[in-house]
Amino acid sequence: MNREELLSQLKDDYLVRALGFDGQVRAFAIRSTKTVYEAQLRHQTTPVVSAALGRTLTIGSMMGVMQKGETKVTLKVEGDGPIGKIIVDSDTSGHVRGYVSHPRVESSSFVNADGHTKLKVGEAVGRGNLSVIKDMGLRDFIGGQSPIQTGEISEDFTYYFAVSEQVPSVVGAGVLVYPEDESIIAAGGLIVQLMPDATEETIALLEQRVAALKPISMLIGEEKTPEEMLELILGDTLEVLDRIPVKFQCTCSREKLATAIVALGPDEIQDMIDEDGGAEAVCHFCSEHYQYSVDELRELREKSLEKA
């Protein structure tokens, strides 16, 4: 089956935005299985890379919806592990895209105390920094950065919220991969944040419930919905504000990549004409291929000359 046929068999992803404890807590939860599977199919990621990229896509989707207006968010996880950089873009409408420098990295796994197989994501990501850049459509971007703590992604963004945005948060994201064919079984996550007026009683109760919470990978493996995941923490105080569709969506196009070719300059474009008899441009984010004929390259060369 092709990519579209495989994805058509899955339920559509969605994200829940909610409040709890009479507004003392704000929370987000997501089912991101189809989104992560599309990323895996586009980039042909190995299981450990699918887990790292999938967790970042899952968290990025929720962080995009956290913003206001037309704000766009870029997450960069830049560790010294073998997979290299993870880059994810998202917006307030539930659209997300992402890629990783080295999608075919292999990694060992281990069986943890509860008998479940766990991929060594932290080892593949390594140590370094993660950054969050918010584009609000103004001249300057707003950004924050923090050191990678474990490379497991969820813990790293928990730390980021605490030190860079000063918001006590619980961040969890999980991806289950079928190793035989590298397909995605399930993916999802949640972010729960304390508001400034949260009482000590609320904080203590949240800490108890978070401590008792199963790993996110187990919850999504049990096919818990986003609402059900939030109920485990917020109980009957859960107030769902809205449900937002989520999907992998790239913003690339032939026109945008043609503009990038123009920026290369007339000499390099002429080399493409003389040596290659055409050109192929590939989008990093979605792996779409765009072909440009010699005639199209000549037109782009003329535009490049006009800009010179």
C-alpha atoms as a PDB file:
ATOM      1  CA  MET A   1       0.000   0.000   0.000  1.00  0.00           C
ATOM      2  CA  ASN A   2       1.133   3.558  -0.619  1.00  0.00           C
ATOM      3  CA  ARG A   3       1.367   6.237   2.051  1.00  0.00           C
ATOM      4  CA  GLU A   4      -2.149   7.580   1.540  1.00  0.00           C
ATOM      5  CA  GLU A   5      -3.697   4.117   1.767  1.00  0.00           C
ATOM      6  CA  LEU A   6      -1.802   3.259   4.965  1.00  0.00           C
ATOM      7  CA  LEU A   7      -2.770   6.529   6.643  1.00  0.00           C
ATOM      8  CA  SER A   8      -6.414   6.268   5.577  1.00  0.00           C
ATOM      9  CA  GLN A   9      -6.786   3.249   7.873  1.00  0.00           C
ATOM     10  CA  LEU A  10      -6.007   5.307  10.984  1.00  0.00           C
ATOM     11  CA  LYS A  11      -8.263   7.522  13.047  1.00  0.00           C
ATOM     12  CA  ASP A  12      -7.716  11.241  12.590  1.00  0.00           C
ATOM     13  CA  ASP A  13      -5.609  12.887  15.269  1.00  0.00           C
ATOM     14  CA  TYR A  14      -6.907  15.581  17.567  1.00  0.00           C
ATOM     15  CA  LEU A  15      -5.873  17.676  20.523  1.00  0.00           C
ATOM     16  CA  VAL A  16      -7.867  18.632  23.605  1.00  0.00           C
ATOM     17  CA  ARG A  17      -7.414  21.977  25.336  1.00  0.00           C
ATOM     18  CA  ALA A  18      -8.777  22.017  28.874  1.00  0.00           C
ATOM     19  CA  LEU A  19      -8.817  23.552  32.339  1.00  0.00           C
ATOM     20  CA  GLY A  20      -8.924  21.876  35.724  1.00  0.00           C
ATOM     21  CA  PHE A  21      -9.460  22.738  39.381  1.00  0.00           C
ATOM     22  CA  ASP A  22     -11.566  25.815  38.558  1.00  0.00           C
ATOM     23  CA  GLY A  23      -8.947  27.280  36.264  1.00  0.00           C
ATOM     24  CA  GLN A  24      -5.950  26.670  38.518  1.00  0.00           C
ATOM     25  CA  VAL A  25      -4.535  24.251  35.942  1.00  0.00           C
ATOM     26  CA  ARG A  26      -4.436  24.358  32.167  1.00  0.00           C
ATOM     27  CA  ALA A  27      -3.902  21.184  30.203  1.00  0.00           C
ATOM     28  CA  PHE A  28      -3.458  19.787  26.722  1.00  0.00           C
ATOM     29  CA  ALA A  29      -3.599  16.188  25.517  1.00  0.00           C
ATOM     30  CA  ILE A  30      -3.231  14.714  22.063  1.00  0.00           C
ATOM     31  CA  ARG A  31      -3.585  11.617  19.955  1.00  0.00           C
ATOM     32  CA  SER A  32      -0.819  11.960  17.352  1.00  0.00           C
ATOM     33  CA  THR A  33      -0.554   8.444  15.890  1.00  0.00           C
ATOM     34  CA  LYS A  34      -1.438   9.367  12.307  1.00  0.00           C
ATOM     35  CA  THR A  35       0.773  12.468  12.386  1.00  0.00           C
ATOM     36  CA  VAL A  36       3.806  10.556  13.630  1.00  0.00           C
ATOM     37  CA  TYR A  37       3.181   7.687  11.212  1.00  0.00           C
ATOM     38  CA  GLU A  38       3.098  10.126   8.287  1.00  0.00           C
ATOM     39  CA  ALA A  39       6.443  11.547   9.441  1.00  0.00           C
ATOM     40  CA  GLN A  40       7.842   8.002   9.653  1.00  0.00           C
ATOM     41  CA  LEU A  41       6.646   7.161   6.152  1.00  0.00           C
ATOM     42  CA  ARG A  42       7.935  10.407   4.663  1.00  0.00           C
ATOM     43  CA  HIS A  43      11.377  10.208   6.276  1.00  0.00           C
ATOM     44  CA  GLN A  44      11.680   6.406   6.603  1.00  0.00           C
ATOM     45  CA  THR A  45      12.852   6.708  10.195  1.00  0.00           C
ATOM     46  CA  THR A  46      14.100   3.761  12.235  1.00  0.00           C
ATOM     47  CA  PRO A  47      12.251   2.947  15.489  1.00  0.00           C
ATOM     48  CA  VAL A  48      14.495   5.000  17.787  1.00  0.00           C
ATOM     49  CA  VAL A  49      14.380   8.002  15.435  1.00  0.00           C
ATOM     50  CA  SER A  50      10.597   7.641  15.120  1.00  0.00           C
ATOM     51  CA  ALA A  51      10.374   7.800  18.913  1.00  0.00           C
ATOM     52  CA  ALA A  52      12.550  10.910  19.174  1.00  0.00           C
ATOM     53  CA  LEU A  53      10.972  12.770  16.248  1.00  0.00           C
ATOM     54  CA  GLY A  54       7.475  11.566  17.173  1.00  0.00           C
ATOM     55  CA  ARG A  55       7.738  12.798  20.745  1.00  0.00           C
ATOM     56  CA  THR A  56       8.949  16.189  19.500  1.00  0.00           C
ATOM     57  CA  LEU A  57       6.127  16.402  16.938  1.00  0.00           C
ATOM     58  CA  THR A  58       3.617  15.510  19.653  1.00  0.00           C
ATOM     59  CA  ILE A  59       4.898  18.153  22.065  1.00  0.00           C
ATOM     60  CA  GLY A  60       5.304  20.675  19.254  1.00  0.00           C
ATOM     61  CA  SER A  61       1.649  20.250  18.249  1.00  0.00           C
ATOM     62  CA  MET A  62       0.520  21.081  21.778  1.00  0.00           C
ATOM     63  CA  MET A  63       2.927  24.019  22.099  1.00  0.00           C
ATOM     64  CA  GLY A  64       1.666  25.441  18.819  1.00  0.00           C
ATOM     65  CA  VAL A  65      -1.940  25.396  20.007  1.00  0.00           C
ATOM     66  CA  MET A  66      -0.846  27.101  23.263  1.00  0.00           C
ATOM     67  CA  GLN A  67      -0.062  30.273  21.300  1.00  0.00           C
ATOM     68  CA  LYS A  68      -2.368  33.077  20.214  1.00  0.00           C
ATOM     69  CA  GLY A  69      -3.327  34.446  16.812  1.00  0.00           C
ATOM     70  CA  GLU A  70      -1.159  33.397  13.881  1.00  0.00           C
ATOM     71  CA  THR A  71       1.935  32.599  15.950  1.00  0.00           C
ATOM     72  CA  LYS A  72       4.199  29.849  14.623  1.00  0.00           C
ATOM     73  CA  VAL A  73       6.519  27.832  16.850  1.00  0.00           C
ATOM     74  CA  THR A  74       9.779  26.113  15.976  1.00  0.00           C
ATOM     75  CA  LEU A  75      11.305  23.513  18.290  1.00  0.00           C
ATOM     76  CA  LYS A  76      14.975  22.621  17.877  1.00  0.00           C
ATOM     77  CA  VAL A  77      16.522  19.694  19.744  1.00  0.00           C
ATOM     78  CA  GLU A  78      20.235  19.867  18.995  1.00  0.00           C
ATOM     79  CA  GLY A  79      22.049  17.045  20.743  1.00  0.00           C
ATOM     80  CA  ASP A  80      25.406  15.447  20.069  1.00  0.00           C
ATOM     81  CA  GLY A  81      23.911  11.976  19.557  1.00  0.00           C
ATOM     82  CA  PRO A  82      23.920  10.128  16.233  1.00  0.00           C
ATOM     83  CA  ILE A  83      20.514  11.336  15.039  1.00  0.00           C
ATOM     84  CA  GLY A  84      21.673  14.974  14.922  1.00  0.00           C
ATOM     85  CA  LYS A  85      19.147  17.809  14.976  1.00  0.00           C
ATOM     86  CA  ILE A  86      15.392  17.459  15.364  1.00  0.00           C
ATOM     87  CA  ILE A  87      13.433  20.393  13.906  1.00  0.00           C
ATOM     88  CA  VAL A  88       9.656  20.771  14.316  1.00  0.00           C
ATOM     89  CA  ASP A  89       7.363  23.603  13.176  1.00  0.00           C
ATOM     90  CA  SER A  90       3.787  24.022  14.403  1.00  0.00           C
ATOM     91  CA  ASP A  91       0.998  26.592  14.472  1.00  0.00           C
ATOM     92  CA  THR A  92      -2.160  27.457  16.381  1.00  0.00           C
ATOM     93  CA  SER A  93      -4.371  25.478  13.978  1.00  0.00           C
ATOM     94  CA  GLY A  94      -2.951  22.022  14.750  1.00  0.00           C
ATOM     95  CA  HIS A  95      -0.626  21.815  11.747  1.00  0.00           C
ATOM     96  CA  VAL A  96       2.831  20.388  12.388  1.00  0.00           C
ATOM     97  CA  ARG A  97       5.820  19.239  10.368  1.00  0.00           C
ATOM     98  CA  GLY A  98       9.303  18.057  11.264  1.00  0.00           C
ATOM     99  CA  TYR A  99      12.460  16.258  10.304  1.00  0.00           C
ATOM    100  CA  VAL A 100      15.659  14.861  11.755  1.00  0.00           C
ATOM    101  CA  SER A 101      19.217  15.087  10.402  1.00  0.00           C
ATOM    102  CA  HIS A 102      19.870  11.329  10.294  1.00  0.00           C
ATOM    103  CA  PRO A 103      16.655   9.272   9.975  1.00  0.00           C
ATOM    104  CA  ARG A 104      18.238   5.818   9.619  1.00  0.00           C
ATOM    105  CA  VAL A 105      20.155   5.581  12.911  1.00  0.00           C
ATOM    106  CA  GLU A 106      19.921   2.164  14.550  1.00  0.00           C
ATOM    107  CA  SER A 107      19.817   1.746  18.313  1.00  0.00           C
ATOM    108  CA  SER A 108      19.545  -1.028  20.832  1.00  0.00           C
ATOM    109  CA  SER A 109      16.657  -1.331  23.269  1.00  0.00           C
ATOM    110  CA  PHE A 110      16.245  -2.712  26.756  1.00  0.00           C
ATOM    111  CA  VAL A 111      13.498  -4.232  28.890  1.00  0.00           C
ATOM    112  CA  ASN A 112      12.672  -2.084  31.912  1.00  0.00           C
ATOM    113  CA  ALA A 113      11.312  -3.091  35.327  1.00  0.00           C
ATOM    114  CA  ASP A 114       7.694  -3.429  34.199  1.00  0.00           C
ATOM    115  CA  GLY A 115       8.655  -5.807  31.383  1.00  0.00           C
ATOM    116  CA  HIS A 116       8.186  -3.344  28.513  1.00  0.00           C
ATOM    117  CA  THR A 117      10.758  -2.839  25.787  1.00  0.00           C
ATOM    118  CA  LYS A 118      12.140   0.689  25.734  1.00  0.00           C
ATOM    119  CA  LEU A 119      14.163   2.334  22.983  1.00  0.00           C
ATOM    120  CA  LYS A 120      17.323   4.183  23.987  1.00  0.00           C
ATOM    121  CA  VAL A 121      16.103   7.568  22.790  1.00  0.00           C
ATOM    122  CA  GLY A 122      18.317   9.548  25.189  1.00  0.00           C
ATOM    123  CA  GLU A 123      21.399   7.808  23.849  1.00  0.00           C
ATOM    124  CA  ALA A 124      20.389   8.602  20.258  1.00  0.00           C
ATOM    125  CA  VAL A 125      19.653  12.278  21.009  1.00  0.00           C
ATOM    126  CA  GLY A 126      22.652  12.922  23.263  1.00  0.00           C
ATOM    127  CA  ARG A 127      23.377  16.143  25.135  1.00  0.00           C
ATOM    128  CA  GLY A 128      23.243  19.717  23.936  1.00  0.00           C
ATOM    129  CA  ASN A 129      20.492  22.319  23.897  1.00  0.00           C
ATOM    130  CA  LEU A 130      16.870  22.652  22.950  1.00  0.00           C
ATOM    131  CA  SER A 131      15.319  25.923  21.881  1.00  0.00           C
ATOM    132  CA  VAL A 132      11.827  27.246  21.225  1.00  0.00           C
ATOM    133  CA  ILE A 133      11.357  30.093  18.738  1.00  0.00           C
ATOM    134  CA  LYS A 134       8.004  31.875  18.478  1.00  0.00           C
ATOM    135  CA  ASP A 135       7.216  33.831  15.315  1.00  0.00           C
ATOM    136  CA  MET A 136       4.352  36.215  16.055  1.00  0.00           C
ATOM    137  CA  GLY A 137       4.536  37.898  12.658  1.00  0.00           C
ATOM    138  CA  LEU A 138       6.555  40.804  14.005  1.00  0.00           C
ATOM    139  CA  ARG A 139      10.079  41.886  13.100  1.00  0.00           C
ATOM    140  CA  ASP A 140      11.731  40.011  15.949  1.00  0.00           C
ATOM    141  CA  PHE A 141      11.222  36.447  17.148  1.00  0.00           C
ATOM    142  CA  ILE A 142      10.719  35.456  20.779  1.00  0.00           C
ATOM    143  CA  GLY A 143      12.796  32.541  21.959  1.00  0.00           C
ATOM    144  CA  GLY A 144      14.016  30.513  24.879  1.00  0.00           C
ATOM    145  CA  GLN A 145      16.654  27.841  25.384  1.00  0.00           C
ATOM    146  CA  SER A 146      17.655  25.236  27.934  1.00  0.00           C
ATOM    147  CA  PRO A 147      20.159  22.368  28.181  1.00  0.00           C
ATOM    148  CA  ILE A 148      19.049  18.880  27.207  1.00  0.00           C
ATOM    149  CA  GLN A 149      18.685  16.966  30.472  1.00  0.00           C
ATOM    150  CA  THR A 150      18.206  13.339  29.412  1.00  0.00           C
ATOM    151  CA  GLY A 151      17.575  13.305  25.670  1.00  0.00           C
ATOM    152  CA  GLU A 152      14.252  11.546  26.316  1.00  0.00           C
ATOM    153  CA  ILE A 153      12.437  14.677  25.037  1.00  0.00           C
ATOM    154  CA  SER A 154       9.554  14.812  27.558  1.00  0.00           C
ATOM    155  CA  GLU A 155      11.829  15.450  30.543  1.00  0.00           C
ATOM    156  CA  ASP A 156      13.765  17.991  28.498  1.00  0.00           C
ATOM    157  CA  PHE A 157      10.670  20.059  27.747  1.00  0.00           C
ATOM    158  CA  THR A 158       9.501  19.777  31.360  1.00  0.00           C
ATOM    159  CA  TYR A 159      12.830  21.373  32.300  1.00  0.00           C
ATOM    160  CA  TYR A 160      12.503  23.966  29.526  1.00  0.00           C
ATOM    161  CA  PHE A 161       9.126  25.184  30.804  1.00  0.00           C
ATOM    162  CA  ALA A 162      10.480  25.427  34.345  1.00  0.00           C
ATOM    163  CA  VAL A 163      13.660  27.377  33.604  1.00  0.00           C
ATOM    164  CA  SER A 164      12.891  29.290  30.422  1.00  0.00           C
ATOM    165  CA  GLU A 165       9.198  30.139  30.813  1.00  0.00           C
ATOM    166  CA  GLN A 166       8.970  29.757  34.617  1.00  0.00           C
ATOM    167  CA  VAL A 167       5.839  27.608  34.332  1.00  0.00           C
ATOM    168  CA  PRO A 168       5.720  24.420  36.458  1.00  0.00           C
ATOM    169  CA  SER A 169       4.660  21.748  33.978  1.00  0.00           C
ATOM    170  CA  VAL A 170       4.235  18.035  33.472  1.00  0.00           C
ATOM    171  CA  VAL A 171       5.171  17.047  29.909  1.00  0.00           C
ATOM    172  CA  GLY A 172       4.720  13.522  28.602  1.00  0.00           C
ATOM    173  CA  ALA A 173       4.907  12.106  25.089  1.00  0.00           C
ATOM    174  CA  GLY A 174       5.101   8.537  23.890  1.00  0.00           C
ATOM    175  CA  VAL A 175       5.491   6.656  20.617  1.00  0.00           C
ATOM    176  CA  LEU A 176       4.994   2.902  20.201  1.00  0.00           C
ATOM    177  CA  VAL A 177       6.773   1.435  17.175  1.00  0.00           C
ATOM    178  CA  TYR A 178       6.287  -1.974  15.584  1.00  0.00           C
ATOM    179  CA  PRO A 179       9.942  -2.973  15.006  1.00  0.00           C
ATOM    180  CA  GLU A 180       9.329  -5.533  12.250  1.00  0.00           C
ATOM    181  CA  ASP A 181       8.147  -2.961   9.701  1.00  0.00           C
ATOM    182  CA  GLU A 182       8.933   0.272  11.626  1.00  0.00           C
ATOM    183  CA  SER A 183       5.250   1.311  11.573  1.00  0.00           C
ATOM    184  CA  ILE A 184       3.729   3.441  14.312  1.00  0.00           C
ATOM    185  CA  ILE A 185       1.314   1.610  16.624  1.00  0.00           C
ATOM    186  CA  ALA A 186       0.298   4.613  18.726  1.00  0.00           C
ATOM    187  CA  ALA A 187       1.505   8.082  19.677  1.00  0.00           C
ATOM    188  CA  GLY A 188       0.238  10.775  22.001  1.00  0.00           C
ATOM    189  CA  GLY A 189       0.997  12.946  24.968  1.00  0.00           C
ATOM    190  CA  LEU A 190      -0.052  15.618  27.403  1.00  0.00           C
ATOM    191  CA  ILE A 191       1.087  18.876  28.961  1.00  0.00           C
ATOM    192  CA  VAL A 192      -0.340  19.975  32.326  1.00  0.00           C
ATOM    193  CA  GLN A 193       0.627  23.373  33.715  1.00  0.00           C
ATOM    194  CA  LEU A 194       0.011  25.172  36.992  1.00  0.00           C
ATOM    195  CA  MET A 195      -1.489  28.654  36.777  1.00  0.00           C
ATOM    196  CA  PRO A 196      -0.148  31.390  39.077  1.00  0.00           C
ATOM    197  CA  ASP A 197      -3.168  31.160  41.433  1.00  0.00           C
ATOM    198  CA  ALA A 198      -2.853  27.397  42.047  1.00  0.00           C
ATOM    199  CA  THR A 199      -3.264  26.572  45.752  1.00  0.00           C
ATOM    200  CA  GLU A 200      -0.986  24.339  47.790  1.00  0.00           C
ATOM    201  CA  GLU A 201      -3.828  21.843  48.069  1.00  0.00           C
ATOM    202  CA  THR A 202      -4.173  21.662  44.291  1.00  0.00           C
ATOM    203  CA  ILE A 203      -0.428  21.325  43.837  1.00  0.00           C
ATOM    204  CA  ALA A 204      -0.228  18.485  46.371  1.00  0.00           C
ATOM    205  CA  LEU A 205      -3.116  16.598  44.745  1.00  0.00           C
ATOM    206  CA  LEU A 206      -1.601  17.004  41.274  1.00  0.00           C
ATOM    207  CA  GLU A 207       1.737  15.708  42.505  1.00  0.00           C
ATOM    208  CA  GLN A 208       0.040  12.600  43.896  1.00  0.00           C
ATOM    209  CA  ARG A 209      -1.827  11.891  40.671  1.00  0.00           C
ATOM    210  CA  VAL A 210       1.195  12.504  38.460  1.00  0.00           C
ATOM    211  CA  ALA A 211       3.287  10.173  40.625  1.00  0.00           C
ATOM    212  CA  ALA A 212       0.649   7.450  40.195  1.00  0.00           C
ATOM    213  CA  LEU A 213       0.313   8.000  36.440  1.00  0.00           C
ATOM    214  CA  LYS A 214       1.405   5.177  34.145  1.00  0.00           C
ATOM    215  CA  PRO A 215       4.025   6.010  31.491  1.00  0.00           C
ATOM    216  CA  ILE A 216       2.469   7.787  28.516  1.00  0.00           C
ATOM    217  CA  SER A 217       3.549   4.959  26.216  1.00  0.00           C
ATOM    218  CA  MET A 218       1.438   2.549  28.291  1.00  0.00           C
ATOM    219  CA  LEU A 219      -1.578   4.868  28.251  1.00  0.00           C
ATOM    220  CA  ILE A 220      -1.521   5.281  24.486  1.00  0.00           C
ATOM    221  CA  GLY A 221      -0.926   1.538  24.148  1.00  0.00           C
ATOM    222  CA  GLU A 222      -4.175   1.062  26.058  1.00  0.00           C
ATOM    223  CA  GLU A 223      -5.796   3.401  23.506  1.00  0.00           C
ATOM    224  CA  LYS A 224      -6.656   6.037  26.089  1.00  0.00           C
ATOM    225  CA  THR A 225      -8.235   9.071  24.471  1.00  0.00           C
ATOM    226  CA  PRO A 226      -6.837  12.540  25.189  1.00  0.00           C
ATOM    227  CA  GLU A 227      -9.829  13.178  27.445  1.00  0.00           C
ATOM    228  CA  GLU A 228      -9.250   9.966  29.386  1.00  0.00           C
ATOM    229  CA  MET A 229      -5.570  10.797  29.890  1.00  0.00           C
ATOM    230  CA  LEU A 230      -6.468  14.189  31.329  1.00  0.00           C
ATOM    231  CA  GLU A 231      -9.137  12.677  33.578  1.00  0.00           C
ATOM    232  CA  LEU A 232      -6.447  10.597  35.275  1.00  0.00           C
ATOM    233  CA  ILE A 233      -4.834  13.840  36.470  1.00  0.00           C
ATOM    234  CA  LEU A 234      -7.698  16.329  36.688  1.00  0.00           C
ATOM    235  CA  GLY A 235     -10.492  13.955  37.711  1.00  0.00           C
ATOM    236  CA  ASP A 236     -13.998  15.387  37.718  1.00  0.00           C
ATOM    237  CA  THR A 237     -12.612  18.947  37.619  1.00  0.00           C
ATOM    238  CA  LEU A 238     -11.742  18.461  33.922  1.00  0.00           C
ATOM    239  CA  GLU A 239     -13.321  21.156  31.768  1.00  0.00           C
ATOM    240  CA  VAL A 240     -12.756  20.584  28.041  1.00  0.00           C
ATOM    241  CA  LEU A 241     -12.553  23.916  26.214  1.00  0.00           C
ATOM    242  CA  ASP A 242     -12.182  22.624  22.655  1.00  0.00           C
ATOM    243  CA  ARG A 243     -10.978  19.839  20.416  1.00  0.00           C
ATOM    244  CA  ILE A 244      -8.635  20.718  17.555  1.00  0.00           C
ATOM    245  CA  PRO A 245      -7.799  18.463  14.585  1.00  0.00           C
ATOM    246  CA  VAL A 246      -4.067  17.753  14.262  1.00  0.00           C
ATOM    247  CA  LYS A 247      -2.169  16.670  11.163  1.00  0.00           C
ATOM    248  CA  PHE A 248       1.224  16.642   9.492  1.00  0.00           C
ATOM    249  CA  GLN A 249       1.148  19.498   7.007  1.00  0.00           C
ATOM    250  CA  CYS A 250       4.064  21.073   5.180  1.00  0.00           C
ATOM    251  CA  THR A 251       4.129  24.585   3.745  1.00  0.00           C
ATOM    252  CA  CYS A 252       6.537  23.809   0.909  1.00  0.00           C
ATOM    253  CA  SER A 253       5.641  24.288  -2.772  1.00  0.00           C
ATOM    254  CA  ARG A 254       7.279  24.355  -6.193  1.00  0.00           C
ATOM    255  CA  GLU A 255       7.209  28.149  -6.060  1.00  0.00           C
ATOM    256  CA  LYS A 256       8.958  28.365  -2.676  1.00  0.00           C
ATOM    257  CA  LEU A 257      11.695  25.946  -3.679  1.00  0.00           C
ATOM    258  CA  ALA A 258      12.089  27.781  -6.983  1.00  0.00           C
ATOM    259  CA  THR A 259      12.739  30.942  -4.985  1.00  0.00           C
ATOM    260  CA  ALA A 260      15.450  29.064  -3.108  1.00  0.00           C
ATOM    261  CA  ILE A 261      17.044  28.060  -6.417  1.00  0.00           C
ATOM    262  CA  VAL A 262      16.990  31.694  -7.585  1.00  0.00           C
ATOM    263  CA  ALA A 263      18.854  32.646  -4.401  1.00  0.00           C
ATOM    264  CA  LEU A 264      21.705  30.277  -5.365  1.00  0.00           C
ATOM    265  CA  GLY A 265      22.801  32.719  -8.048  1.00  0.00           C
ATOM    266  CA  PRO A 266      23.024  32.580 -11.868  1.00  0.00           C
ATOM    267  CA  ASP A 267      26.352  30.738 -12.001  1.00  0.00           C
ATOM    268  CA  GLU A 268      25.182  27.819  -9.903  1.00  0.00           C
ATOM    269  CA  ILE A 269      21.922  27.604 -11.830  1.00  0.00           C
ATOM    270  CA  GLN A 270      23.913  27.521 -15.075  1.00  0.00           C
ATOM    271  CA  ASP A 271      25.934  24.622 -13.659  1.00  0.00           C
ATOM    272  CA  MET A 272      22.672  22.743 -13.060  1.00  0.00           C
ATOM    273  CA  ILE A 273      21.735  23.317 -16.700  1.00  0.00           C
ATOM    274  CA  ASP A 274      25.129  22.352 -18.154  1.00  0.00           C
ATOM    275  CA  GLU A 275      26.094  19.482 -15.880  1.00  0.00           C
ATOM    276  CA  ASP A 276      22.794  17.972 -14.749  1.00  0.00           C
ATOM    277  CA  GLY A 277      20.323  18.885 -17.483  1.00  0.00           C
ATOM    278  CA  GLY A 278      17.776  19.857 -14.859  1.00  0.00           C
ATOM    279  CA  ALA A 279      17.406  19.974 -11.112  1.00  0.00           C
ATOM    280  CA  GLU A 280      15.644  18.212  -8.271  1.00  0.00           C
ATOM    281  CA  ALA A 281      14.820  20.011  -5.020  1.00  0.00           C
ATOM    282  CA  VAL A 282      13.800  18.092  -1.906  1.00  0.00           C
ATOM    283  CA  CYS A 283      11.989  19.605   1.080  1.00  0.00           C
ATOM    284  CA  HIS A 284      13.714  18.764   4.375  1.00  0.00           C
ATOM    285  CA  PHE A 285      10.433  18.816   6.304  1.00  0.00           C
ATOM    286  CA  CYS A 286       8.315  16.472   4.187  1.00  0.00           C
ATOM    287  CA  SER A 287      10.728  14.841   1.705  1.00  0.00           C
ATOM    288  CA  GLU A 288       8.626  15.923  -1.293  1.00  0.00           C
ATOM    289  CA  HIS A 289      10.656  15.995  -4.530  1.00  0.00           C
ATOM    290  CA  TYR A 290      10.265  18.790  -7.087  1.00  0.00           C
ATOM    291  CA  GLN A 291      11.713  18.487 -10.599  1.00  0.00           C
ATOM    292  CA  TYR A 292      12.800  21.496 -12.676  1.00  0.00           C
ATOM    293  CA  SER A 293      13.458  21.210 -16.393  1.00  0.00           C
ATOM    294  CA  VAL A 294      16.215  23.023 -18.294  1.00  0.00           C
ATOM    295  CA  ASP A 295      13.678  25.564 -19.599  1.00  0.00           C
ATOM    296  CA  GLU A 296      12.421  26.226 -16.058  1.00  0.00           C
ATOM    297  CA  LEU A 297      15.995  26.635 -14.840  1.00  0.00           C
ATOM    298  CA  ARG A 298      16.703  29.155 -17.606  1.00  0.00           C
ATOM    299  CA  GLU A 299      13.733  31.205 -16.422  1.00  0.00           C
ATOM    300  CA  LEU A 300      14.978  30.991 -12.832  1.00  0.00           C
ATOM    301  CA  ARG A 301      18.458  32.027 -13.973  1.00  0.00           C
ATOM    302  CA  GLU A 302      17.001  35.139 -15.618  1.00  0.00           C
ATOM    303  CA  LYS A 303      15.243  36.016 -12.348  1.00  0.00           C
ATOM    304  CA  SER A 304      18.503  35.494 -10.491  1.00  0.00           C
ATOM    305  CA  LEU A 305      20.309  37.838 -12.900  1.00  0.00           C
ATOM    306  CA  GLU A 306      17.631  40.484 -12.351  1.00  0.00           C
ATOM    307  CA  LYS A 307      18.191  40.287  -8.600  1.00  0.00           C
ATOM    308  CA  ALA A 308      21.991  40.428  -8.876  1.00  0.00           C
END
